[in-house]
Protein backbone atom coordinates (compact mmCIF):
# COMPACT_ATOMS: atom_id res chain seq x y z
CA UNK A 1 5.74 -4.96 -15.73
CA UNK A 2 7.78 -3.75 -12.71
CA UNK A 3 8.35 -0.31 -14.25
CA UNK A 4 4.64 0.10 -15.00
CA UNK A 5 3.66 -0.90 -11.47
CA UNK A 6 6.16 1.52 -9.95
CA UNK A 7 5.02 4.34 -12.24
CA UNK A 8 1.39 3.80 -11.17
CA UNK A 9 2.32 3.75 -7.50
CA UNK A 10 4.35 6.94 -7.79
CA UNK A 11 1.59 8.72 -9.70
CA UNK A 12 -1.33 7.63 -7.52
CA UNK A 13 0.48 8.23 -4.23
CA UNK A 14 1.56 11.71 -5.35
CA UNK A 15 5.16 11.29 -4.18
CA UNK A 16 7.42 14.32 -4.07
CA UNK A 17 10.34 13.99 -6.51
CA UNK A 18 12.99 14.32 -3.77
CA UNK A 19 11.37 11.94 -1.27
CA UNK A 20 13.92 9.15 -1.72
CA UNK A 21 12.70 7.10 1.23
CA UNK A 22 9.13 7.03 -0.12
CA UNK A 23 10.40 6.20 -3.64
CA UNK A 24 12.34 3.25 -2.20
CA UNK A 25 9.31 2.12 -0.20
CA UNK A 26 7.13 2.13 -3.33
CA UNK A 27 9.85 0.42 -5.38
CA UNK A 28 9.88 -2.42 -2.81
CA UNK A 29 6.09 -2.74 -3.03
CA UNK A 30 6.26 -2.75 -6.84
CA UNK A 31 8.93 -5.48 -6.72
CA UNK A 32 6.73 -7.45 -4.29
CA UNK A 33 3.84 -7.33 -6.78
CA UNK A 34 6.11 -8.17 -9.72
CA UNK A 35 7.49 -11.19 -7.83
CA UNK A 36 4.03 -12.79 -7.64
CA UNK A 37 2.50 -14.89 -10.40
CA UNK A 38 -0.20 -12.23 -10.90
CA UNK A 39 -1.54 -11.59 -14.35
CA UNK A 40 -1.30 -8.02 -15.59
CA UNK A 41 -4.93 -7.41 -14.62
CA UNK A 42 -4.34 -8.87 -11.14
CA UNK A 43 -1.21 -6.74 -10.70
CA UNK A 44 -3.20 -3.64 -11.63
CA UNK A 45 -5.85 -4.64 -9.11
CA UNK A 46 -3.21 -5.12 -6.40
CA UNK A 47 -1.91 -1.62 -7.11
CA UNK A 48 -5.44 -0.18 -6.89
CA UNK A 49 -6.09 -2.02 -3.61
CA UNK A 50 -2.76 -0.85 -2.19
CA UNK A 51 -3.56 2.77 -3.00
CA UNK A 52 -7.11 2.49 -1.67
CA UNK A 53 -6.38 0.62 1.54
CA UNK A 54 -3.26 2.39 2.82
CA UNK A 55 -1.95 4.84 0.21
CA UNK A 56 0.69 2.11 -0.15
CA UNK A 57 2.08 2.47 3.37
CA UNK A 58 3.76 -0.87 4.16
CA UNK A 59 3.46 -0.39 7.93
CA UNK A 60 -0.19 0.70 7.96
CA UNK A 61 -2.45 -0.82 10.61
CA UNK A 62 -6.24 -0.78 10.37
CA UNK A 63 -9.43 -2.44 11.55
CA UNK A 64 -8.45 -2.12 15.19
CA UNK A 65 -5.05 -3.73 14.58
CA UNK A 66 -6.41 -6.73 12.66
CA UNK A 67 -5.40 -5.60 9.15
CA UNK A 68 -1.80 -4.72 8.40
CA UNK A 69 0.49 -3.70 5.60
CA UNK A 70 0.00 -1.95 2.30
CA UNK A 71 -2.86 -4.26 1.30
CA UNK A 72 -4.46 -4.35 4.78
CA UNK A 73 -4.33 -8.14 4.94
CA UNK A 74 -5.21 -10.02 8.10
CA UNK A 75 -2.68 -12.55 9.36
CA UNK A 76 1.09 -12.79 9.61
CA UNK A 77 1.82 -12.63 5.87
CA UNK A 78 1.03 -9.15 4.58
CA UNK A 79 2.87 -9.49 1.27
CA UNK A 80 1.53 -8.98 -2.23
CA UNK A 81 1.33 -12.78 -2.52
CA UNK A 82 -1.00 -12.94 0.49
CA UNK A 83 -3.14 -10.13 -0.93
CA UNK A 84 -3.23 -11.87 -4.32
CA UNK A 85 -4.36 -15.12 -2.69
CA UNK A 86 -7.23 -13.26 -0.97
CA UNK A 87 -8.17 -11.50 -4.21
CA UNK A 88 -8.28 -14.81 -6.09
CA UNK A 89 -10.27 -16.46 -3.28
CA UNK A 90 -12.83 -13.66 -3.24
CA UNK A 91 -13.11 -13.51 -7.05
CA UNK A 92 -13.54 -17.29 -7.30
CA UNK A 93 -16.16 -17.42 -4.56
CA UNK A 94 -18.09 -14.25 -5.37
CA UNK A 95 -17.00 -12.84 -8.71
CA UNK A 96 -16.05 -9.63 -6.90
CA UNK A 97 -13.97 -8.45 -3.95
CA UNK A 98 -16.69 -8.80 -1.29
CA UNK A 99 -14.73 -11.30 0.79
CA UNK A 100 -11.45 -9.38 0.42
CA UNK A 101 -13.23 -6.21 1.58
CA UNK A 102 -14.32 -7.98 4.74
CA UNK A 103 -18.06 -8.21 4.13
CA UNK A 104 -18.01 -11.86 5.26
CA UNK A 105 -20.36 -12.79 2.43
CA UNK A 106 -20.70 -12.28 -1.29
CA UNK A 107 -22.59 -9.24 -2.50
CA UNK A 108 -21.01 -6.40 -0.59
CA UNK A 109 -21.87 -2.72 -1.02
CA UNK A 110 -21.27 -1.89 -4.72
CA UNK A 111 -19.94 1.59 -3.89
CA UNK A 112 -17.33 0.15 -1.53
CA UNK A 113 -16.29 -2.49 -4.07
CA UNK A 114 -16.02 0.11 -6.86
CA UNK A 115 -13.88 2.41 -4.71
CA UNK A 116 -11.64 -0.52 -3.78
CA UNK A 117 -10.95 -1.28 -7.45
CA UNK A 118 -10.58 2.32 -8.66
CA UNK A 119 -8.38 4.68 -6.61
CA UNK A 120 -9.82 7.69 -8.43
CA UNK A 121 -13.20 7.13 -6.74
CA UNK A 122 -13.83 8.47 -3.22
CA UNK A 123 -12.96 6.00 -0.49
CA UNK A 124 -16.02 4.36 1.09
């Protein structure tokens, strides 16, 4: 699964072949996802969220400094495990990623939720 995750990250983030530092950064993110207990579908979702939220930049900061890391998670832990916990919480509560996306309630904007799950869609 690690190789598949890394391949997806490299392809979606359009990394130059000689950009060793960026390759290493993405390899660390892929290993972080692979180290979780995510199912294959959850791992794919984490990759899509990573691409959507930060283009997989591990030091990204958003939402006025409240969201950090590749998955734009709030709190001290910005790992794939923390993102996975938020994904599972939102899916269990709402059946979608409304809570992960920060809507504060179930039933967020469908266009935003679709773009969060599919990096090929325009970011909302």
